[in-house]
Amino acid sequence: MNLRRCFVPRQLLFLLAAGLGTLGALPARGQETITLRSGQTVQATVLGTTPDGVKVQSGAAVMVEPFALVASVSMHAPAEYEAAVVAYEERDFPTALANAQWVAANFGGLPTPWARQAMLMLGDIDVSMDKLPDAEAAYQNYQRYYPAASAELNVSLARIDVAKKDYDAAKAKVDPITAEAMKIRNPPDEAGALIGRAFYVSGEIKEATGDLPGALEDYLRTVTIFTQDRVAVATAQERADALRKDQGAIVP
């Protein structure tokens, strides 16, 4: 089995972009680091997001840093994000949905991996519950929050194609990502979630079309290499275990 590390070129990576969000009742936290596109760093408490940017508090002053000026935010995920992931892993979709919705409402558009993954999780949950129109709406909403993440949107929409058994359409969306990923080593961390999701969907396609060894290999790439998206890892592990136990599949 060839599970070598691989890379996706920069045009397939997440790019930071503006989004929408609303503030709810947020707990007090310590200071986070906001890096502006100018290179300046700001130490402040991130209160959430607004339609215009990241709402922060520094001392007694509260201000909004426009999304267009914010390159990145170093911030721990709120407890609701962890609760959403754990509930999804346990197949408790209503609890996962409620927590992911809270994260999206309060931090939608924030340039952090966990905020992006929470937005994608909303669509993933709908796919898992066979609510495909809702899933498509959730993925399109993700694009409004992160309009530059077209590759991630394609992978997500491929999940809907798989659910509709339109495997050719799904392959057309994920094959360019997985093929490019196999050419170059050492992907940066920010690409790992995208690649892991793509290999998971590729595994679904191969499993549905009878290529069980290929499906298992793709699932294991998500489980063992591209582990940044915990939801993708959990679902890939579940499918890999089922293939080995129920079908006796082995990797080529």
Protein backbone atom coordinates (compact mmCIF):
# COMPACT_ATOMS: atom_id res chain seq x y z
CA MET A 1 0.00 0.00 0.00
CA ASN A 2 1.38 3.36 -1.01
CA LEU A 3 0.31 5.93 1.58
CA ARG A 4 3.03 8.41 0.83
CA ARG A 5 2.52 11.99 1.95
CA CYS A 6 1.45 14.29 -0.82
CA PHE A 7 0.68 17.90 -1.58
CA VAL A 8 -1.99 20.06 -3.18
CA PRO A 9 -0.84 23.22 -4.94
CA ARG A 10 -1.68 26.61 -3.55
CA GLN A 11 -4.59 27.22 -5.90
CA LEU A 12 -6.44 24.41 -4.11
CA LEU A 13 -5.77 25.71 -0.60
CA PHE A 14 -8.18 27.63 1.55
CA LEU A 15 -7.92 31.37 1.02
CA LEU A 16 -9.13 33.75 3.69
CA ALA A 17 -12.22 35.71 2.87
CA ALA A 18 -15.15 37.61 4.31
CA GLY A 19 -18.28 36.06 5.76
CA LEU A 20 -21.41 36.73 7.72
CA GLY A 21 -22.16 36.05 11.35
CA THR A 22 -24.17 37.16 14.35
CA LEU A 23 -23.14 37.57 17.92
CA GLY A 24 -24.71 35.61 20.71
CA ALA A 25 -23.86 35.39 24.39
CA LEU A 26 -20.18 34.53 24.34
CA PRO A 27 -18.04 33.59 27.34
CA ALA A 28 -15.16 35.78 28.42
CA ARG A 29 -11.76 34.56 27.22
CA GLY A 30 -8.16 35.59 27.21
CA GLN A 31 -6.53 37.49 24.40
CA GLU A 32 -6.07 36.08 20.93
CA THR A 33 -3.63 37.05 18.20
CA ILE A 34 -5.02 38.67 15.07
CA THR A 35 -2.62 38.98 12.15
CA LEU A 36 -3.52 41.66 9.63
CA ARG A 37 -2.65 41.48 5.96
CA SER A 38 -0.26 44.37 6.52
CA GLY A 39 1.80 42.03 8.70
CA GLN A 40 0.84 43.79 11.92
CA THR A 41 -0.29 41.60 14.83
CA VAL A 42 -2.93 42.68 17.31
CA GLN A 43 -3.52 41.19 20.75
CA ALA A 44 -7.20 41.37 21.60
CA THR A 45 -10.16 39.29 22.71
CA VAL A 46 -12.20 38.01 19.79
CA LEU A 47 -15.87 38.51 20.63
CA GLY A 48 -17.21 36.96 17.45
CA THR A 49 -18.00 38.06 13.92
CA THR A 50 -20.36 40.61 12.39
CA PRO A 51 -21.40 41.03 8.76
CA ASP A 52 -18.44 43.37 8.37
CA GLY A 53 -15.59 41.64 10.13
CA VAL A 54 -14.09 40.28 13.34
CA LYS A 55 -15.37 41.96 16.49
CA VAL A 56 -12.59 42.37 19.04
CA GLN A 57 -12.08 44.00 22.41
CA SER A 58 -8.80 45.55 23.52
CA GLY A 59 -9.00 47.02 27.00
CA ALA A 60 -12.23 48.99 27.15
CA ALA A 61 -12.34 49.53 23.39
CA VAL A 62 -14.50 47.36 21.15
CA MET A 63 -13.90 47.51 17.40
CA VAL A 64 -14.51 45.56 14.20
CA GLU A 65 -11.51 44.58 12.08
CA PRO A 66 -12.82 44.26 8.49
CA PHE A 67 -12.50 40.77 7.06
CA ALA A 68 -10.56 42.12 4.10
CA LEU A 69 -7.82 43.30 6.45
CA VAL A 70 -7.56 40.14 8.58
CA ALA A 71 -5.11 37.47 7.40
CA SER A 72 -5.50 35.00 10.26
CA VAL A 73 -6.68 34.59 13.83
CA SER A 74 -4.96 32.43 16.42
CA MET A 75 -7.77 31.30 18.68
CA HIS A 76 -8.83 28.12 20.45
CA ALA A 77 -12.10 26.63 19.30
CA PRO A 78 -15.07 27.21 21.60
CA ALA A 79 -16.48 24.28 23.55
CA GLU A 80 -19.45 24.13 21.19
CA TYR A 81 -17.18 23.15 18.31
CA GLU A 82 -15.75 20.20 20.23
CA ALA A 83 -19.28 19.23 21.29
CA ALA A 84 -20.39 19.28 17.65
CA VAL A 85 -17.51 17.06 16.52
CA VAL A 86 -17.97 14.57 19.37
CA ALA A 87 -21.72 14.36 18.75
CA TYR A 88 -21.13 13.78 15.03
CA GLU A 89 -18.62 11.03 15.79
CA GLU A 90 -21.28 9.43 18.00
CA ARG A 91 -23.92 9.83 15.24
CA ASP A 92 -25.94 12.16 17.46
CA PHE A 93 -26.84 14.43 14.57
CA PRO A 94 -29.35 16.75 16.35
CA THR A 95 -26.78 17.63 19.02
CA ALA A 96 -24.04 18.02 16.42
CA LEU A 97 -26.27 20.28 14.35
CA ALA A 98 -27.25 22.52 17.26
CA ASN A 99 -23.63 23.06 18.31
CA ALA A 100 -22.33 23.58 14.78
CA GLN A 101 -25.10 26.12 14.18
CA TRP A 102 -24.01 28.00 17.31
CA VAL A 103 -20.43 28.17 16.08
CA ALA A 104 -21.53 29.31 12.63
CA ALA A 105 -23.85 31.97 14.06
CA ASN A 106 -21.19 33.42 16.32
CA PHE A 107 -17.97 32.89 14.35
CA GLY A 108 -18.99 32.50 10.69
CA GLY A 109 -16.31 34.01 8.47
CA LEU A 110 -13.57 33.83 11.09
CA PRO A 111 -10.33 32.74 9.36
CA THR A 112 -9.65 29.70 11.54
CA PRO A 113 -9.74 26.01 10.58
CA TRP A 114 -12.37 25.18 13.21
CA ALA A 115 -14.76 27.92 12.05
CA ARG A 116 -14.51 26.69 8.46
CA GLN A 117 -14.95 23.07 9.50
CA ALA A 118 -17.99 23.93 11.60
CA MET A 119 -19.59 25.52 8.55
CA LEU A 120 -18.86 22.45 6.45
CA MET A 121 -20.13 20.18 9.21
CA LEU A 122 -23.59 21.69 8.83
CA GLY A 123 -23.80 20.31 5.30
CA ASP A 124 -22.17 17.02 6.28
CA ILE A 125 -24.80 16.49 8.96
CA ASP A 126 -27.58 17.12 6.46
CA VAL A 127 -26.03 14.61 4.05
CA SER A 128 -25.85 12.05 6.85
CA MET A 129 -29.55 12.68 7.59
CA ASP A 130 -30.40 12.43 3.86
CA LYS A 131 -31.53 16.05 3.77
CA LEU A 132 -29.84 16.81 0.47
CA PRO A 133 -31.51 20.17 -0.35
CA ASP A 134 -30.57 21.40 3.13
CA ALA A 135 -27.02 20.12 2.62
CA GLU A 136 -26.67 21.94 -0.67
CA ALA A 137 -27.93 25.15 0.94
CA ALA A 138 -25.46 24.74 3.80
CA TYR A 139 -22.53 24.21 1.43
CA GLN A 140 -23.54 27.20 -0.66
CA ASN A 141 -23.76 29.24 2.54
CA TYR A 142 -20.22 28.14 3.32
CA GLN A 143 -19.14 29.61 0.00
CA ARG A 144 -20.72 32.92 0.97
CA TYR A 145 -18.68 32.89 4.16
CA TYR A 146 -15.47 31.75 2.43
CA PRO A 147 -15.90 32.61 -1.26
CA ALA A 148 -12.33 31.71 -2.21
CA ALA A 149 -12.67 28.10 -1.01
CA SER A 150 -13.99 26.75 -4.31
CA ALA A 151 -12.10 23.45 -4.06
CA GLU A 152 -13.58 22.74 -0.63
CA LEU A 153 -17.04 23.56 -1.96
CA ASN A 154 -16.54 21.12 -4.87
CA VAL A 155 -15.60 18.31 -2.51
CA SER A 156 -18.66 19.02 -0.38
CA LEU A 157 -20.99 19.11 -3.36
CA ALA A 158 -19.46 15.80 -4.48
CA ARG A 159 -20.87 14.27 -1.31
CA ILE A 160 -24.32 15.22 -2.55
CA ASP A 161 -23.54 13.68 -5.95
CA VAL A 162 -22.58 10.43 -4.21
CA ALA A 163 -25.82 10.45 -2.23
CA LYS A 164 -27.70 10.88 -5.52
CA LYS A 165 -25.61 8.07 -7.09
CA ASP A 166 -24.21 10.45 -9.69
CA TYR A 167 -20.70 9.06 -9.40
CA ASP A 168 -19.38 10.59 -12.61
CA ALA A 169 -20.24 14.07 -11.35
CA ALA A 170 -18.64 13.31 -8.00
CA LYS A 171 -15.45 12.01 -9.64
CA ALA A 172 -15.19 15.11 -11.78
CA LYS A 173 -15.11 17.21 -8.62
CA VAL A 174 -12.68 15.23 -6.47
CA ASP A 175 -10.36 13.47 -8.92
CA PRO A 176 -8.37 16.61 -9.82
CA ILE A 177 -7.65 17.18 -6.12
CA THR A 178 -6.65 13.62 -5.30
CA ALA A 179 -4.61 13.26 -8.48
CA GLU A 180 -2.68 16.46 -7.80
CA ALA A 181 -2.20 15.45 -4.18
CA MET A 182 -0.43 12.27 -5.18
CA LYS A 183 2.25 14.12 -7.16
CA ILE A 184 3.96 16.22 -4.49
CA ARG A 185 5.08 15.47 -0.96
CA ASN A 186 4.61 17.24 2.35
CA PRO A 187 1.34 19.17 2.12
CA PRO A 188 1.01 22.18 4.42
CA ASP A 189 -1.36 21.67 7.32
CA GLU A 190 -3.98 24.03 5.90
CA ALA A 191 -4.39 21.71 2.88
CA GLY A 192 -4.82 18.56 4.93
CA ALA A 193 -8.52 19.01 5.68
CA LEU A 194 -9.32 19.55 2.02
CA ILE A 195 -7.31 16.53 0.86
CA GLY A 196 -8.69 14.31 3.61
CA ARG A 197 -12.26 15.14 2.65
CA ALA A 198 -11.47 14.55 -1.03
CA PHE A 199 -10.01 11.11 -0.37
CA TYR A 200 -13.00 10.22 1.79
CA VAL A 201 -15.39 11.07 -1.03
CA SER A 202 -13.16 9.22 -3.49
CA GLY A 203 -13.45 6.21 -1.21
CA GLU A 204 -17.23 6.50 -1.24
CA ILE A 205 -17.23 6.55 -5.03
CA LYS A 206 -14.96 3.51 -5.31
CA GLU A 207 -16.92 1.58 -2.70
CA ALA A 208 -20.21 2.26 -4.49
CA THR A 209 -18.77 1.22 -7.86
CA GLY A 210 -17.19 -2.01 -6.61
CA ASP A 211 -13.52 -1.06 -6.15
CA LEU A 212 -13.32 -2.11 -2.50
CA PRO A 213 -9.50 -2.24 -2.22
CA GLY A 214 -9.25 1.22 -3.75
CA ALA A 215 -11.97 2.52 -1.45
CA LEU A 216 -10.20 1.14 1.61
CA GLU A 217 -6.91 2.72 0.54
CA ASP A 218 -8.57 6.12 0.10
CA TYR A 219 -10.32 5.89 3.46
CA LEU A 220 -7.04 5.02 5.13
CA ARG A 221 -5.34 8.02 3.57
CA THR A 222 -7.89 10.17 5.35
CA VAL A 223 -7.52 8.26 8.60
CA THR A 224 -3.74 8.06 8.75
CA ILE A 225 -2.36 11.03 6.79
CA PHE A 226 -4.81 13.86 6.27
CA THR A 227 -6.35 13.99 9.72
CA GLN A 228 -7.10 17.70 10.08
CA ASP A 229 -10.87 17.29 9.55
CA ARG A 230 -11.99 15.08 12.43
CA VAL A 231 -15.45 14.53 10.96
CA ALA A 232 -13.93 13.18 7.74
CA VAL A 233 -11.56 11.00 9.77
CA ALA A 234 -14.38 9.57 11.87
CA THR A 235 -16.55 8.71 8.88
CA ALA A 236 -13.60 7.31 6.91
CA GLN A 237 -12.61 5.12 9.86
CA GLU A 238 -16.16 3.82 10.12
CA ARG A 239 -16.25 2.90 6.43
CA ALA A 240 -12.75 1.35 6.49
CA ASP A 241 -13.68 -0.83 9.48
CA ALA A 242 -16.87 -1.96 7.75
CA LEU A 243 -15.07 -2.85 4.53
CA ARG A 244 -12.51 -4.95 6.36
CA LYS A 245 -15.01 -6.64 8.67
CA ASP A 246 -17.96 -7.17 6.35
CA GLN A 247 -16.28 -7.42 2.93
CA GLY A 248 -12.83 -8.70 3.82
CA ALA A 249 -11.29 -5.84 1.86
CA ILE A 250 -7.53 -5.38 1.93
CA VAL A 251 -5.42 -2.58 0.50
CA PRO A 252 -3.66 -3.29 -2.80
